[in-house]
Amino acid sequence: MVGAARQVEEKLKEIEVAIAEITKEFYDTYEGYFKVLGEGIRQQLIFASYHICTQGYPEAFLNLSFSQRQKMQSELREIAKLPVRELEELLEQIPEEQQNSDETSAPELIMSLLSEGDGEEEEVTSLLKNQKTKIEFDSAVLFSTKTSDNEEQKLADRIEESLNKIEREEIENSPENIIDKLENLDTLISWQENIEKQIPEILKRVSDRANSILQNAEILPNKIPKKVLEAATKMESGDTPLGGKPNLLNLLIEAEDPEEGKKPRVTKVMAVNLRLSEIEFTDINVTAWRNKIRNLLGRLNQLQREYRKKQRERAVIEAESAWRSSWYEE
């Protein structure tokens, strides 16, 4: 019995080593996947917007002045950059820590501290807006002459504490630290499932923002409420029709005519609707990285089955031992 227990423990340790190794592979693979996916999203968003402006509503696009077209295109380029950072942030979302995600960030805390005084300079707060920026303070700029020495020291201490918090957050969000936290099997599985759940949400938000820009520019019909467009992009879509364009949603919206005897008016609407399956299909780089993730998932599922099986065997051995230790003949 002792030998069997030892064998089970050794096997569990082997599996735990394998889990630690696959954890790093998952992190590195998702990191690479997000780089190509972010670029794929950017390209497909611009392509979908181009198709809407030139094929869907060419007259509306031509009605815009040159400066209006440039403004709209600039706004589309800006939101096309957003998914890159949002995808990268998914790597930092450790499941058991997400309940604390609503806490005030260190830069926000510092800015709130500065806003408590009357003589702080705008120059100081502007330095705090970017957490990645190295921050150095000149006491002559930071404190007004109206502030007492005691108040200066208290505020300086609190700002120093907040800067230390920034440093701690950067250490906690380092790849090495995140990988260490994910070496627990259940945590790794939850982390991976959360990433897959959040990717479509990011695509949905980017699609909604793009449609809002197009509608504000009067490319998309203003008579279609934005909520209707947002709801439409939530609907699950099937395969792209033959000859159709990827990442576009074609809608027929029927509206009743207030005048009696009039048939309901049907409006055809084309809108941006980014879908992961279509981005993968149109981008071989995204597909290649997605296949790497699928392979890792297959290995992880195998490790999970083996680990659960050995945990069960250990529980049985321990239960049998516990039974014998407490049993006695009367």
Protein backbone atom coordinates (compact mmCIF):
# COMPACT_ATOMS: atom_id res chain seq x y z
CA MET A 1 0.00 0.00 0.00
CA VAL A 2 2.85 2.37 0.86
CA GLY A 3 4.45 1.61 -2.49
CA ALA A 4 1.22 2.34 -4.36
CA ALA A 5 0.82 5.66 -2.55
CA ARG A 6 4.38 6.61 -3.40
CA GLN A 7 3.84 5.79 -7.07
CA VAL A 8 0.69 7.91 -7.20
CA GLU A 9 2.49 10.85 -5.56
CA GLU A 10 5.38 10.60 -7.99
CA LYS A 11 3.00 10.53 -10.94
CA LEU A 12 1.14 13.58 -9.60
CA LYS A 13 4.44 15.48 -9.32
CA GLU A 14 5.31 14.54 -12.91
CA ILE A 15 1.95 15.85 -14.10
CA GLU A 16 2.40 19.06 -12.09
CA VAL A 17 5.76 19.65 -13.81
CA ALA A 18 4.07 19.11 -17.17
CA ILE A 19 1.32 21.57 -16.19
CA ALA A 20 3.94 24.19 -15.27
CA GLU A 21 5.58 23.72 -18.68
CA ILE A 22 2.34 23.95 -20.64
CA THR A 23 1.35 27.05 -18.65
CA LYS A 24 4.33 28.96 -20.06
CA GLU A 25 3.54 27.62 -23.53
CA PHE A 26 -0.05 28.88 -23.19
CA TYR A 27 1.10 32.34 -22.11
CA ASP A 28 3.68 32.65 -24.89
CA THR A 29 1.27 31.30 -27.51
CA TYR A 30 -1.58 33.65 -26.52
CA GLU A 31 0.90 36.54 -26.49
CA GLY A 32 1.91 35.75 -30.08
CA TYR A 33 -1.68 35.05 -31.09
CA PHE A 34 -2.88 38.42 -29.78
CA LYS A 35 -0.26 40.28 -31.82
CA VAL A 36 -1.42 38.78 -35.11
CA LEU A 37 -5.09 38.86 -34.05
CA GLY A 38 -4.85 42.57 -33.19
CA GLU A 39 -3.42 43.27 -36.63
CA GLY A 40 -6.07 41.05 -38.23
CA ILE A 41 -8.83 42.94 -36.42
CA ARG A 42 -7.37 46.26 -37.58
CA GLN A 43 -7.23 45.15 -41.20
CA GLN A 44 -10.70 43.62 -41.23
CA LEU A 45 -12.26 46.63 -39.49
CA ILE A 46 -10.80 49.00 -42.09
CA PHE A 47 -11.79 46.67 -44.93
CA ALA A 48 -15.38 46.35 -43.64
CA SER A 49 -15.65 50.14 -43.20
CA TYR A 50 -14.25 50.67 -46.70
CA HIS A 51 -16.83 48.28 -48.17
CA ILE A 52 -19.68 50.02 -46.35
CA CYS A 53 -18.57 53.46 -47.57
CA THR A 54 -17.83 52.47 -51.16
CA GLN A 55 -20.23 49.61 -51.88
CA GLY A 56 -22.97 49.93 -49.30
CA TYR A 57 -23.52 53.69 -49.10
CA PRO A 58 -21.34 55.36 -51.79
CA GLU A 59 -23.69 58.34 -52.17
CA ALA A 60 -23.60 59.09 -48.45
CA PHE A 61 -19.81 58.87 -48.43
CA LEU A 62 -19.52 61.21 -51.43
CA ASN A 63 -21.77 63.72 -49.67
CA LEU A 64 -19.10 64.19 -47.01
CA SER A 65 -16.57 66.95 -47.44
CA PHE A 66 -12.89 66.06 -47.70
CA SER A 67 -12.26 67.08 -44.09
CA GLN A 68 -15.27 65.06 -42.89
CA ARG A 69 -13.98 61.96 -44.66
CA GLN A 70 -10.56 62.43 -43.12
CA LYS A 71 -12.06 62.89 -39.65
CA MET A 72 -14.16 59.73 -39.96
CA GLN A 73 -11.21 57.72 -41.30
CA SER A 74 -8.98 59.00 -38.50
CA GLU A 75 -11.54 57.91 -35.89
CA LEU A 76 -11.78 54.46 -37.47
CA ARG A 77 -7.98 54.12 -37.43
CA GLU A 78 -7.91 55.04 -33.76
CA ILE A 79 -10.50 52.48 -32.65
CA ALA A 80 -8.76 49.87 -34.82
CA LYS A 81 -5.76 50.20 -32.47
CA LEU A 82 -7.77 49.58 -29.28
CA PRO A 83 -8.13 45.78 -29.49
CA VAL A 84 -4.36 45.27 -29.30
CA ARG A 85 -4.15 46.63 -25.75
CA GLU A 86 -7.45 45.05 -24.70
CA LEU A 87 -6.24 41.65 -25.86
CA GLU A 88 -2.91 42.06 -24.05
CA GLU A 89 -4.77 42.90 -20.83
CA LEU A 90 -6.52 39.52 -20.96
CA LEU A 91 -3.18 37.88 -20.19
CA GLU A 92 -3.09 39.72 -16.85
CA GLN A 93 -6.56 38.66 -15.73
CA ILE A 94 -6.00 36.00 -13.07
CA PRO A 95 -9.43 34.49 -12.20
CA GLU A 96 -9.19 34.64 -8.39
CA GLU A 97 -7.99 38.26 -8.54
CA GLN A 98 -10.72 39.61 -10.82
CA GLN A 99 -13.02 40.51 -7.92
CA ASN A 100 -10.44 43.20 -7.03
CA SER A 101 -10.31 44.63 -10.54
CA ASP A 102 -12.62 47.51 -9.63
CA GLU A 103 -10.16 48.94 -7.10
CA THR A 104 -8.78 52.39 -7.83
CA SER A 105 -5.58 52.19 -9.83
CA ALA A 106 -2.42 53.79 -8.49
CA PRO A 107 -2.35 56.68 -11.02
CA GLU A 108 -6.01 57.47 -10.29
CA LEU A 109 -5.28 57.43 -6.57
CA ILE A 110 -2.39 59.86 -6.94
CA MET A 111 -4.50 62.21 -9.04
CA SER A 112 -7.26 62.12 -6.42
CA LEU A 113 -4.68 62.99 -3.76
CA LEU A 114 -3.46 65.95 -5.77
CA SER A 115 -7.00 67.16 -6.36
CA GLU A 116 -7.54 67.45 -2.60
CA GLY A 117 -5.26 70.50 -2.44
CA ASP A 118 -5.89 73.99 -3.78
CA GLY A 119 -2.49 74.91 -5.21
CA GLU A 120 -1.52 71.85 -7.29
CA GLU A 121 -0.34 72.44 -10.82
CA GLU A 122 -1.95 70.89 -13.92
CA GLU A 123 1.54 69.97 -15.09
CA VAL A 124 1.83 67.48 -12.23
CA THR A 125 -1.44 65.70 -12.94
CA SER A 126 -0.57 65.41 -16.61
CA LEU A 127 2.57 63.50 -15.64
CA LEU A 128 0.45 60.98 -13.77
CA LYS A 129 -1.91 60.08 -16.58
CA ASN A 130 0.42 57.48 -18.05
CA GLN A 131 1.31 54.77 -15.59
CA LYS A 132 4.27 53.63 -17.67
CA THR A 133 5.95 57.05 -17.52
CA LYS A 134 8.81 57.50 -15.11
CA ILE A 135 7.62 60.17 -12.69
CA GLU A 136 9.89 62.65 -10.98
CA PHE A 137 8.58 65.50 -8.87
CA ASP A 138 9.96 68.93 -8.18
CA SER A 139 8.65 70.07 -4.80
CA ALA A 140 8.47 73.65 -6.07
CA VAL A 141 6.03 72.55 -8.76
CA LEU A 142 4.20 69.96 -6.69
CA PHE A 143 3.34 72.13 -3.71
CA SER A 144 2.04 75.67 -3.67
CA THR A 145 3.42 78.22 -1.26
CA LYS A 146 0.08 78.14 0.59
CA THR A 147 0.68 74.55 1.70
CA SER A 148 2.13 74.09 5.17
CA ASP A 149 5.23 71.96 5.74
CA ASN A 150 3.14 69.38 7.59
CA GLU A 151 0.61 69.14 4.74
CA GLU A 152 3.45 68.92 2.23
CA GLN A 153 4.96 65.98 4.06
CA LYS A 154 1.64 64.14 4.40
CA LEU A 155 0.86 64.56 0.72
CA ALA A 156 4.40 63.57 -0.27
CA ASP A 157 4.15 60.42 1.86
CA ARG A 158 0.85 59.44 0.33
CA ILE A 159 2.13 60.03 -3.21
CA GLU A 160 5.24 57.96 -2.47
CA GLU A 161 2.99 55.16 -1.20
CA SER A 162 0.96 55.31 -4.42
CA LEU A 163 4.10 55.26 -6.57
CA ASN A 164 5.20 52.17 -4.68
CA LYS A 165 1.83 50.67 -5.52
CA ILE A 166 2.50 51.31 -9.23
CA GLU A 167 5.80 49.48 -8.91
CA ARG A 168 4.13 46.55 -7.12
CA GLU A 169 1.45 46.35 -9.84
CA GLU A 170 4.11 46.23 -12.56
CA ILE A 171 5.87 43.38 -10.75
CA GLU A 172 2.59 41.51 -10.20
CA ASN A 173 1.67 41.86 -13.89
CA SER A 174 5.04 40.68 -15.16
CA PRO A 175 4.85 37.55 -17.36
CA GLU A 176 6.93 35.53 -14.89
CA ASN A 177 4.65 36.35 -11.96
CA ILE A 178 1.47 35.66 -13.95
CA ILE A 179 2.82 32.30 -15.15
CA ASP A 180 3.65 31.34 -11.55
CA LYS A 181 0.06 32.05 -10.52
CA LEU A 182 -1.32 29.95 -13.37
CA GLU A 183 0.55 26.76 -12.50
CA ASN A 184 -2.45 25.54 -10.53
CA LEU A 185 -4.51 23.42 -12.96
CA ASP A 186 -7.90 24.90 -12.08
CA THR A 187 -6.56 28.46 -12.27
CA LEU A 188 -4.98 27.78 -15.67
CA ILE A 189 -8.24 26.34 -17.03
CA SER A 190 -10.28 29.29 -15.72
CA TRP A 191 -7.75 31.77 -17.15
CA GLN A 192 -7.85 30.15 -20.57
CA GLU A 193 -11.66 29.93 -20.60
CA ASN A 194 -11.93 33.60 -19.58
CA ILE A 195 -9.66 34.63 -22.46
CA GLU A 196 -11.80 32.74 -24.98
CA LYS A 197 -14.95 34.25 -23.52
CA GLN A 198 -13.61 37.82 -23.66
CA ILE A 199 -12.29 37.79 -27.24
CA PRO A 200 -15.80 37.90 -28.85
CA GLU A 201 -16.77 40.66 -26.39
CA ILE A 202 -13.82 42.76 -27.57
CA LEU A 203 -14.83 42.20 -31.20
CA LYS A 204 -18.40 43.21 -30.33
CA ARG A 205 -17.28 46.46 -28.66
CA VAL A 206 -15.03 47.40 -31.60
CA SER A 207 -17.85 46.66 -34.07
CA ASP A 208 -20.26 48.85 -32.09
CA ARG A 209 -17.75 51.71 -31.94
CA ALA A 210 -17.12 51.51 -35.68
CA ASN A 211 -20.85 51.49 -36.45
CA SER A 212 -21.33 54.47 -34.14
CA ILE A 213 -18.63 56.42 -36.03
CA LEU A 214 -20.21 55.54 -39.38
CA GLN A 215 -23.64 56.55 -38.12
CA ASN A 216 -22.39 59.83 -36.65
CA ALA A 217 -20.83 60.58 -40.04
CA GLU A 218 -24.27 59.88 -41.58
CA ILE A 219 -22.98 56.95 -43.61
CA LEU A 220 -25.26 54.47 -41.86
CA PRO A 221 -28.92 55.58 -41.71
CA ASN A 222 -29.58 57.74 -38.66
CA LYS A 223 -33.17 56.50 -38.49
CA ILE A 224 -31.90 53.11 -37.33
CA PRO A 225 -31.46 53.35 -33.54
CA LYS A 226 -27.97 52.50 -32.32
CA LYS A 227 -29.46 50.00 -29.89
CA VAL A 228 -30.93 48.09 -32.84
CA LEU A 229 -27.51 47.89 -34.49
CA GLU A 230 -25.90 46.77 -31.24
CA ALA A 231 -28.55 44.11 -30.71
CA ALA A 232 -28.16 42.88 -34.27
CA THR A 233 -24.42 42.33 -33.88
CA LYS A 234 -25.11 40.21 -30.78
CA MET A 235 -27.09 37.72 -32.82
CA GLU A 236 -25.20 34.59 -33.73
CA SER A 237 -24.42 34.57 -37.43
CA GLY A 238 -24.05 31.53 -39.61
CA ASP A 239 -21.64 31.09 -42.45
CA THR A 240 -21.00 34.04 -44.73
CA PRO A 241 -23.28 33.78 -47.78
CA LEU A 242 -21.65 32.86 -51.08
CA GLY A 243 -20.27 36.04 -52.58
CA GLY A 244 -20.75 37.94 -49.32
CA LYS A 245 -18.06 39.93 -47.56
CA PRO A 246 -16.64 38.82 -44.22
CA ASN A 247 -17.23 40.75 -41.00
CA LEU A 248 -20.26 42.57 -42.38
CA LEU A 249 -23.86 42.31 -41.22
CA ASN A 250 -26.69 42.77 -43.71
CA LEU A 251 -30.06 43.58 -42.15
CA LEU A 252 -33.56 44.18 -43.44
CA ILE A 253 -35.39 46.32 -40.90
CA GLU A 254 -39.13 46.74 -41.26
CA ALA A 255 -40.80 49.87 -39.88
CA GLU A 256 -44.51 50.57 -39.86
CA ASP A 257 -45.67 53.62 -41.80
CA PRO A 258 -47.79 55.98 -39.63
CA GLU A 259 -50.17 56.61 -42.54
CA GLU A 260 -53.00 54.10 -42.82
CA GLY A 261 -53.02 51.84 -45.84
CA LYS A 262 -49.29 52.25 -46.39
CA LYS A 263 -47.15 49.14 -46.51
CA PRO A 264 -44.40 48.85 -43.89
CA ARG A 265 -41.12 50.37 -45.06
CA VAL A 266 -38.18 48.01 -45.34
CA THR A 267 -34.71 49.47 -44.88
CA LYS A 268 -31.61 47.57 -45.84
CA VAL A 269 -28.73 48.14 -43.45
CA MET A 270 -25.11 47.09 -43.77
CA ALA A 271 -22.95 47.29 -40.65
CA VAL A 272 -19.61 46.17 -39.24
CA ASN A 273 -19.81 42.83 -37.44
CA LEU A 274 -16.37 41.45 -36.65
CA ARG A 275 -16.36 37.68 -36.08
CA LEU A 276 -13.43 35.64 -34.90
CA SER A 277 -14.12 32.74 -37.27
CA GLU A 278 -14.07 35.08 -40.28
CA ILE A 279 -10.93 36.90 -39.15
CA GLU A 280 -9.20 33.53 -38.81
CA PHE A 281 -10.49 32.41 -42.20
CA THR A 282 -9.16 35.52 -43.96
CA ASP A 283 -5.79 35.66 -42.18
CA ILE A 284 -3.45 32.66 -42.38
CA ASN A 285 -1.24 34.04 -39.58
CA VAL A 286 -4.18 34.16 -37.16
CA THR A 287 -5.19 30.65 -38.24
CA ALA A 288 -1.68 29.32 -37.62
CA TRP A 289 -1.58 30.70 -34.07
CA ARG A 290 -5.13 29.49 -33.38
CA ASN A 291 -4.07 25.97 -34.40
CA LYS A 292 -1.22 26.17 -31.86
CA ILE A 293 -3.79 27.01 -29.17
CA ARG A 294 -5.98 24.08 -30.22
CA ASN A 295 -3.01 21.73 -29.93
CA LEU A 296 -2.21 23.06 -26.46
CA LEU A 297 -5.83 22.57 -25.43
CA GLY A 298 -5.69 18.95 -26.51
CA ARG A 299 -2.59 18.40 -24.38
CA LEU A 300 -4.12 20.26 -21.43
CA ASN A 301 -7.29 18.15 -21.56
CA GLN A 302 -5.14 15.00 -21.51
CA LEU A 303 -3.16 16.28 -18.51
CA GLN A 304 -6.38 17.20 -16.74
CA ARG A 305 -7.78 13.68 -17.19
CA GLU A 306 -4.59 12.08 -15.92
CA TYR A 307 -4.35 14.48 -12.98
CA ARG A 308 -7.96 13.94 -11.89
CA LYS A 309 -7.51 10.19 -12.18
CA LYS A 310 -4.40 10.18 -9.99
CA GLN A 311 -6.05 12.51 -7.47
CA ARG A 312 -8.91 10.04 -7.25
CA GLU A 313 -6.49 7.13 -6.76
CA ARG A 314 -4.72 9.03 -3.98
CA ALA A 315 -8.04 9.78 -2.26
CA VAL A 316 -8.99 6.08 -2.39
CA ILE A 317 -5.63 5.01 -0.92
CA GLU A 318 -5.88 7.61 1.86
CA ALA A 319 -9.48 6.62 2.61
CA GLU A 320 -8.55 2.94 2.84
CA SER A 321 -5.67 3.80 5.15
CA ALA A 322 -7.90 6.00 7.32
CA TRP A 323 -10.47 3.21 7.58
CA ARG A 324 -7.87 0.68 8.74
CA SER A 325 -6.37 3.10 11.25
CA SER A 326 -9.69 3.67 13.03
CA TRP A 327 -11.14 0.16 12.75
CA TYR A 328 -10.87 -2.35 15.56
CA GLU A 329 -12.52 -5.69 16.33
CA GLU A 330 -14.78 -5.83 19.38
